[in-house]
Amino acid sequence: MGTAESTVPQQLADGGVQPSAPELLQLYERMLLIRRTEERLSADSAAGKLPGAVHLYIGEEAVATGVCAHLADRDYVTSTHRGHGHYLAKGGDLRAMMAEIWGKREGICRGMGGSMHVADISKGILGANGIVGAGLAIATGAAFGARLDGDGKVAVCFFGDGASNQGVLMETLNVSTLWQLPVIFVCENNLFSEFTPSREVTAGRIADRARAFAMPTAEIDGNDVLAVWQAAGEAVDRARAGDGPSFIEARTYRIQGHFEAERFILAGDRYREDAEVAQWRARDPLERMRAHLISAGAASPDGLGVLDARVLQEVDSAAAYAEAGQPADPDLAATLMFAGTEG
């Protein structure tokens, strides 16, 4: 999502800046696209239309959107098994992503990556990754390359609270600080590691892991896209200026389950209460942004309704494109593994 032409930014209460009215609408539209896409995937998963599991980003849209608003195609991002939102926030092609999730040749990875491995190098999307914490080293390596290029590129690593307990985080925090690499670590603390509350497996404050390396650190409300936008903007500016890495802990919540078919393996057990989910639904990042747009005079309820209808039509069209696609070619499994082997 590029930066829109805008009026002079308004000052926030703490002296920061906020997006202009056109930029606010861009942020909302991108979050809305992610939400409606994930809702469609949830419905199609329940209907048995998808060839595999999907891990949805519903409730966390503000994090990817607020961060990626500051990035260009040449900047890098690494993602997680819950990566559809990062892909779309970075400007990835919706139809190609849907085709990938459906396992079709028209997919961004020709149907060989599926839901957990969407990637598009042309957009700087180095890939979602099913290995917890794997993106940390990839993003740090990309940032090292960006520093050698010396052209102002940055790398962003999105990772979850579970990955904050991986040893590779300490290694990448250390080396990125020593070498002053242009990388931003964004921890999406959604309070759960699969089916386990984070409080049961994570000691201390996650952000303190970065403070131990004297890294600039922010702890923010990850359901407030404006707070994310501001913190990310400061971190990206620092990185582009050659002032090294930053760490953002965005506290949010995973509204959906760990993955859409979890009820079959939980066999009636539960790891959270409905009241907790309802409490977080009341802090829905889309509803908060919608209310802000209307109160700020940046949009009307009718105008937002028209926008929603247009986004839904886009999602429906992408799903139809995916369903009508050609199945992935199994022979690609061998030819795509090694450079120079593709026919």
Protein backbone atom coordinates (compact mmCIF):
# COMPACT_ATOMS: atom_id res chain seq x y z
CA MET A 1 0.00 0.00 0.00
CA GLY A 2 1.75 3.14 -1.17
CA THR A 3 1.63 6.48 0.55
CA ALA A 4 -1.25 8.58 -0.70
CA GLU A 5 -0.94 12.26 -1.53
CA SER A 6 -2.23 13.98 1.55
CA THR A 7 -2.64 17.13 3.53
CA VAL A 8 -0.27 18.09 6.31
CA PRO A 9 -0.37 15.31 8.99
CA GLN A 10 -2.23 16.14 12.18
CA GLN A 11 -0.51 15.98 15.55
CA LEU A 12 -1.41 13.23 17.98
CA ALA A 13 -1.78 13.97 21.66
CA ASP A 14 1.74 12.68 22.40
CA GLY A 15 3.32 14.91 19.77
CA GLY A 16 3.44 12.32 16.99
CA VAL A 17 1.68 12.47 13.66
CA GLN A 18 -1.30 10.63 12.29
CA PRO A 19 -2.23 9.77 8.71
CA SER A 20 -4.25 12.16 6.61
CA ALA A 21 -7.86 11.35 5.70
CA PRO A 22 -6.93 9.56 2.43
CA GLU A 23 -4.29 7.53 4.26
CA LEU A 24 -6.76 6.63 7.01
CA LEU A 25 -9.12 5.27 4.38
CA GLN A 26 -6.28 3.27 2.81
CA LEU A 27 -5.48 1.71 6.17
CA TYR A 28 -9.12 0.78 6.74
CA GLU A 29 -9.55 -0.64 3.24
CA ARG A 30 -6.48 -2.83 3.59
CA MET A 31 -7.65 -4.17 6.96
CA LEU A 32 -11.08 -4.77 5.48
CA LEU A 33 -9.61 -6.71 2.55
CA ILE A 34 -7.70 -8.94 4.96
CA ARG A 35 -10.77 -9.51 7.14
CA ARG A 36 -13.15 -10.34 4.29
CA THR A 37 -10.57 -12.65 2.70
CA GLU A 38 -10.05 -14.54 5.95
CA GLU A 39 -13.79 -14.81 6.54
CA ARG A 40 -14.19 -16.32 3.07
CA LEU A 41 -11.40 -18.80 3.78
CA SER A 42 -13.03 -19.71 7.09
CA ALA A 43 -16.33 -20.42 5.34
CA ASP A 44 -14.70 -22.41 2.55
CA SER A 45 -12.67 -24.41 5.05
CA ALA A 46 -15.84 -25.31 6.95
CA ALA A 47 -17.45 -26.32 3.66
CA GLY A 48 -14.55 -28.66 2.86
CA LYS A 49 -13.47 -26.74 -0.22
CA LEU A 50 -9.84 -26.17 0.73
CA PRO A 51 -7.14 -28.82 0.26
CA GLY A 52 -5.46 -28.15 3.61
CA ALA A 53 -5.54 -26.28 6.91
CA VAL A 54 -5.64 -22.51 7.18
CA HIS A 55 -4.44 -20.35 10.08
CA LEU A 56 -6.38 -17.09 9.99
CA TYR A 57 -5.40 -13.53 10.91
CA ILE A 58 -8.82 -12.33 12.04
CA GLY A 59 -8.46 -9.83 14.87
CA GLU A 60 -4.82 -8.99 14.14
CA GLU A 61 -5.25 -6.99 10.92
CA ALA A 62 -4.06 -3.70 12.40
CA VAL A 63 -0.52 -4.97 12.95
CA ALA A 64 0.35 -5.97 9.39
CA THR A 65 -1.52 -3.01 7.94
CA GLY A 66 0.04 -0.38 10.19
CA VAL A 67 3.55 -1.68 9.58
CA CYS A 68 3.36 -2.35 5.85
CA ALA A 69 1.90 1.10 5.14
CA HIS A 70 5.49 2.36 5.50
CA LEU A 71 7.07 -0.21 3.19
CA ALA A 72 7.72 -0.23 -0.54
CA ASP A 73 7.97 -3.25 -2.83
CA ARG A 74 11.76 -3.23 -2.49
CA ASP A 75 11.57 -3.61 1.30
CA TYR A 76 11.50 -7.12 2.72
CA VAL A 77 9.10 -8.92 5.04
CA THR A 78 9.15 -12.40 6.51
CA SER A 79 6.00 -13.98 7.82
CA THR A 80 4.57 -16.93 9.74
CA HIS A 81 2.11 -19.78 9.32
CA ARG A 82 -0.54 -17.07 9.89
CA GLY A 83 0.69 -15.07 6.93
CA HIS A 84 -2.23 -14.12 4.67
CA GLY A 85 -2.58 -10.74 6.38
CA HIS A 86 1.10 -9.89 5.97
CA TYR A 87 0.98 -10.91 2.32
CA LEU A 88 -2.03 -8.73 1.54
CA ALA A 89 -0.83 -5.80 3.66
CA LYS A 90 2.44 -5.77 1.70
CA GLY A 91 0.50 -5.56 -1.56
CA GLY A 92 0.47 -9.21 -2.62
CA ASP A 93 -1.94 -10.25 -5.36
CA LEU A 94 -5.20 -11.53 -3.84
CA ARG A 95 -6.14 -13.81 -6.75
CA ALA A 96 -2.70 -15.43 -6.81
CA MET A 97 -2.82 -15.97 -3.05
CA MET A 98 -6.25 -17.57 -3.18
CA ALA A 99 -5.17 -19.83 -6.03
CA GLU A 100 -2.13 -20.84 -3.98
CA ILE A 101 -4.30 -21.74 -0.99
CA TRP A 102 -6.50 -23.81 -3.31
CA GLY A 103 -3.38 -25.62 -4.58
CA LYS A 104 -3.68 -24.36 -8.16
CA ARG A 105 -1.07 -23.72 -10.85
CA GLU A 106 -2.18 -20.09 -10.98
CA GLY A 107 -1.03 -19.63 -7.40
CA ILE A 108 1.84 -17.35 -6.47
CA CYS A 109 3.98 -20.45 -5.81
CA ARG A 110 2.23 -22.52 -8.52
CA GLY A 111 0.20 -24.30 -5.89
CA MET A 112 3.25 -25.89 -4.27
CA GLY A 113 3.40 -23.71 -1.15
CA GLY A 114 -0.17 -23.60 0.04
CA SER A 115 -1.57 -21.46 2.83
CA MET A 116 1.51 -21.48 5.08
CA HIS A 117 4.10 -20.57 2.44
CA VAL A 118 2.77 -17.68 0.34
CA ALA A 119 5.62 -15.60 -1.05
CA ASP A 120 6.29 -13.02 -3.77
CA ILE A 121 9.87 -11.85 -4.16
CA SER A 122 8.77 -9.07 -6.56
CA LYS A 123 6.88 -7.52 -3.64
CA GLY A 124 9.62 -8.16 -1.10
CA ILE A 125 7.54 -10.92 0.50
CA LEU A 126 10.24 -13.45 1.33
CA GLY A 127 7.67 -15.95 2.45
CA ALA A 128 5.39 -17.18 5.14
CA ASN A 129 6.97 -20.04 7.06
CA GLY A 130 5.52 -22.94 9.02
CA ILE A 131 8.63 -23.24 11.21
CA VAL A 132 8.23 -21.16 14.37
CA GLY A 133 10.80 -18.38 14.44
CA ALA A 134 12.29 -19.22 11.03
CA GLY A 135 11.67 -15.75 9.64
CA LEU A 136 13.91 -14.12 12.25
CA ALA A 137 17.18 -15.21 10.65
CA ILE A 138 15.85 -14.75 7.11
CA ALA A 139 14.86 -11.14 7.79
CA THR A 140 18.17 -10.44 9.50
CA GLY A 141 20.03 -11.84 6.51
CA ALA A 142 17.93 -9.70 4.16
CA ALA A 143 18.72 -6.66 6.31
CA PHE A 144 22.42 -7.47 6.07
CA GLY A 145 22.08 -7.54 2.29
CA ALA A 146 20.19 -4.25 2.37
CA ARG A 147 22.98 -2.68 4.41
CA LEU A 148 25.55 -3.85 1.87
CA ASP A 149 23.40 -2.39 -0.93
CA GLY A 150 23.29 0.91 0.96
CA ASP A 151 20.12 2.06 -0.76
CA GLY A 152 17.80 2.50 2.23
CA LYS A 153 15.92 -0.79 2.05
CA VAL A 154 14.65 -2.27 5.31
CA ALA A 155 13.51 -5.72 6.44
CA VAL A 156 10.60 -6.50 8.76
CA CYS A 157 10.15 -9.77 10.59
CA PHE A 158 6.64 -10.61 11.82
CA PHE A 159 6.67 -13.33 14.48
CA GLY A 160 4.46 -14.51 17.31
CA ASP A 161 4.84 -14.68 21.08
CA GLY A 162 5.74 -18.35 20.77
CA ALA A 163 8.74 -17.51 18.60
CA SER A 164 9.96 -15.07 21.25
CA ASN A 165 11.16 -18.15 23.17
CA GLN A 166 13.29 -19.46 20.32
CA GLY A 167 17.06 -19.13 20.67
CA VAL A 168 17.35 -17.65 17.19
CA LEU A 169 15.67 -14.49 18.48
CA MET A 170 18.58 -13.84 20.84
CA GLU A 171 21.08 -14.46 18.04
CA THR A 172 19.38 -12.08 15.62
CA LEU A 173 18.83 -9.37 18.22
CA ASN A 174 22.52 -9.58 19.04
CA VAL A 175 23.96 -9.53 15.53
CA SER A 176 21.51 -6.92 14.21
CA THR A 177 22.47 -4.59 17.04
CA LEU A 178 26.22 -5.17 16.66
CA TRP A 179 26.07 -4.55 12.93
CA GLN A 180 23.31 -1.88 13.10
CA LEU A 181 21.19 -3.67 10.52
CA PRO A 182 18.03 -2.08 9.07
CA VAL A 183 15.60 -4.63 10.50
CA ILE A 184 12.39 -4.20 12.50
CA PHE A 185 11.28 -7.08 14.70
CA VAL A 186 7.49 -7.09 15.10
CA CYS A 187 6.20 -9.49 17.73
CA GLU A 188 2.47 -10.13 17.30
CA ASN A 189 1.65 -11.13 20.86
CA ASN A 190 -1.78 -12.71 20.41
CA LEU A 191 -1.66 -14.37 23.85
CA PHE A 192 -1.60 -17.99 22.65
CA SER A 193 1.00 -20.48 21.51
CA GLU A 194 -1.26 -22.85 19.60
CA PHE A 195 -3.60 -24.05 22.38
CA THR A 196 -1.54 -22.85 25.34
CA PRO A 197 -1.96 -19.41 26.93
CA SER A 198 1.31 -17.52 26.61
CA ARG A 199 1.37 -16.77 30.33
CA GLU A 200 2.00 -20.49 30.91
CA VAL A 201 5.04 -20.75 28.66
CA THR A 202 6.55 -17.26 28.42
CA ALA A 203 8.38 -15.69 31.36
CA GLY A 204 8.76 -11.93 31.79
CA ARG A 205 7.90 -9.26 29.24
CA ILE A 206 8.68 -10.13 25.65
CA ALA A 207 9.88 -6.61 24.86
CA ASP A 208 12.53 -6.92 27.57
CA ARG A 209 14.34 -9.45 25.40
CA ALA A 210 15.19 -6.60 23.02
CA ARG A 211 15.93 -4.11 25.79
CA ALA A 212 18.71 -6.40 26.97
CA PHE A 213 20.51 -5.50 23.75
CA ALA A 214 19.83 -1.75 24.16
CA MET A 215 17.56 -1.88 21.11
CA PRO A 216 14.87 0.83 20.66
CA THR A 217 11.67 -0.87 21.80
CA ALA A 218 7.95 -0.09 21.76
CA GLU A 219 5.06 -1.91 23.44
CA ILE A 220 1.81 -0.95 21.75
CA ASP A 221 -1.86 -1.77 21.41
CA GLY A 222 -1.81 -4.02 18.36
CA ASN A 223 -5.55 -3.52 17.82
CA ASP A 224 -5.06 0.21 17.24
CA VAL A 225 -3.83 0.66 13.67
CA LEU A 226 -2.84 4.27 14.36
CA ALA A 227 -0.60 3.23 17.26
CA VAL A 228 0.97 0.57 15.05
CA TRP A 229 1.38 3.03 12.18
CA GLN A 230 3.16 5.55 14.37
CA ALA A 231 5.52 3.07 16.06
CA ALA A 232 6.35 1.39 12.76
CA GLY A 233 6.97 4.71 11.05
CA GLU A 234 9.51 5.69 13.68
CA ALA A 235 11.24 2.30 13.45
CA VAL A 236 11.37 2.33 9.65
CA ASP A 237 12.74 5.87 9.62
CA ARG A 238 15.49 4.85 12.03
CA ALA A 239 16.39 1.84 9.90
CA ARG A 240 16.48 3.80 6.65
CA ALA A 241 18.69 6.43 8.28
CA GLY A 242 21.25 3.79 9.22
CA ASP A 243 20.44 3.88 12.93
CA GLY A 244 19.93 0.15 13.28
CA PRO A 245 17.16 -2.21 14.37
CA SER A 246 14.03 -1.72 16.43
CA PHE A 247 11.65 -4.01 18.28
CA ILE A 248 7.86 -3.62 18.44
CA GLU A 249 5.66 -5.78 20.64
CA ALA A 250 2.09 -5.41 19.41
CA ARG A 251 -0.42 -6.87 21.85
CA THR A 252 -3.39 -8.27 20.01
CA TYR A 253 -5.67 -11.31 20.04
CA ARG A 254 -6.38 -14.28 17.81
CA ILE A 255 -10.17 -14.27 17.42
CA GLN A 256 -10.28 -17.52 15.45
CA GLY A 257 -8.81 -20.80 16.61
CA HIS A 258 -5.21 -21.77 16.05
CA PHE A 259 -6.41 -23.27 12.78
CA GLU A 260 -9.87 -23.71 11.30
CA ALA A 261 -10.24 -27.46 11.84
CA GLU A 262 -9.02 -27.49 15.44
CA ARG A 263 -12.37 -28.65 16.79
CA PHE A 264 -11.69 -32.08 15.29
CA ILE A 265 -8.51 -32.58 17.27
CA LEU A 266 -9.69 -30.91 20.47
CA ALA A 267 -12.61 -33.35 20.66
CA GLY A 268 -14.78 -30.99 22.68
CA ASP A 269 -12.04 -29.69 24.95
CA ARG A 270 -11.46 -25.95 25.22
CA TYR A 271 -8.49 -23.77 26.04
CA ARG A 272 -10.26 -20.41 26.37
CA GLU A 273 -13.68 -19.18 27.34
CA ASP A 274 -16.28 -17.57 25.08
CA ALA A 275 -16.37 -14.55 27.39
CA GLU A 276 -12.70 -13.89 26.72
CA VAL A 277 -13.20 -14.00 22.97
CA ALA A 278 -16.22 -11.69 23.28
CA GLN A 279 -14.18 -9.24 25.34
CA TRP A 280 -11.59 -9.01 22.58
CA ARG A 281 -14.23 -8.80 19.86
CA ALA A 282 -15.30 -5.58 21.54
CA ARG A 283 -11.81 -4.26 20.74
CA ASP A 284 -12.06 -5.24 17.06
CA PRO A 285 -9.46 -3.19 15.14
CA LEU A 286 -11.80 -2.71 12.17
CA GLU A 287 -14.67 -1.42 14.28
CA ARG A 288 -12.35 0.92 16.13
CA MET A 289 -11.00 2.32 12.88
CA ARG A 290 -14.48 2.59 11.39
CA ALA A 291 -15.63 4.64 14.38
CA HIS A 292 -12.56 6.84 14.09
CA LEU A 293 -13.14 7.50 10.39
CA ILE A 294 -16.73 8.54 10.98
CA SER A 295 -16.00 10.70 14.04
CA ALA A 296 -13.09 12.40 12.24
CA GLY A 297 -15.28 13.15 9.22
CA ALA A 298 -13.02 11.11 6.96
CA ALA A 299 -15.85 8.82 5.84
CA SER A 300 -19.59 8.31 6.15
CA PRO A 301 -21.41 5.11 7.13
CA ASP A 302 -22.89 4.90 3.63
CA GLY A 303 -19.49 5.40 2.03
CA LEU A 304 -17.96 2.66 4.14
CA GLY A 305 -20.84 0.38 3.20
CA VAL A 306 -20.06 0.92 -0.48
CA LEU A 307 -16.40 0.17 0.21
CA ASP A 308 -17.30 -3.06 2.01
CA ALA A 309 -19.45 -4.20 -0.91
CA ARG A 310 -16.61 -3.52 -3.34
CA VAL A 311 -14.11 -5.45 -1.22
CA LEU A 312 -16.51 -8.39 -0.89
CA GLN A 313 -16.91 -8.46 -4.65
CA GLU A 314 -13.12 -8.52 -5.04
CA VAL A 315 -12.83 -11.42 -2.61
CA ASP A 316 -15.64 -13.37 -4.29
CA SER A 317 -13.98 -12.87 -7.67
CA ALA A 318 -10.64 -14.09 -6.32
CA ALA A 319 -12.24 -17.18 -4.79
CA ALA A 320 -13.99 -18.00 -8.06
CA TYR A 321 -10.70 -17.59 -9.92
CA ALA A 322 -9.01 -19.95 -7.50
CA GLU A 323 -11.71 -22.61 -7.70
CA ALA A 324 -11.64 -22.52 -11.51
CA GLY A 325 -7.85 -22.90 -11.66
CA GLN A 326 -5.80 -25.90 -12.77
CA PRO A 327 -4.47 -28.32 -10.12
CA ALA A 328 -0.80 -27.96 -9.29
CA ASP A 329 1.62 -30.08 -11.31
CA PRO A 330 3.13 -32.74 -8.98
CA ASP A 331 6.27 -32.91 -11.14
CA LEU A 332 7.17 -29.41 -9.98
CA ALA A 333 8.01 -30.83 -6.54
CA ALA A 334 11.33 -32.03 -7.92
CA THR A 335 12.12 -29.34 -10.48
CA LEU A 336 11.52 -26.38 -8.17
CA MET A 337 13.78 -27.61 -5.38
CA PHE A 338 17.12 -26.76 -7.02
CA ALA A 339 18.34 -23.87 -9.14
CA GLY A 340 18.64 -24.67 -12.82
CA THR A 341 16.45 -27.77 -12.77
CA GLU A 342 13.15 -26.22 -13.86
CA GLY A 343 12.15 -27.11 -17.38
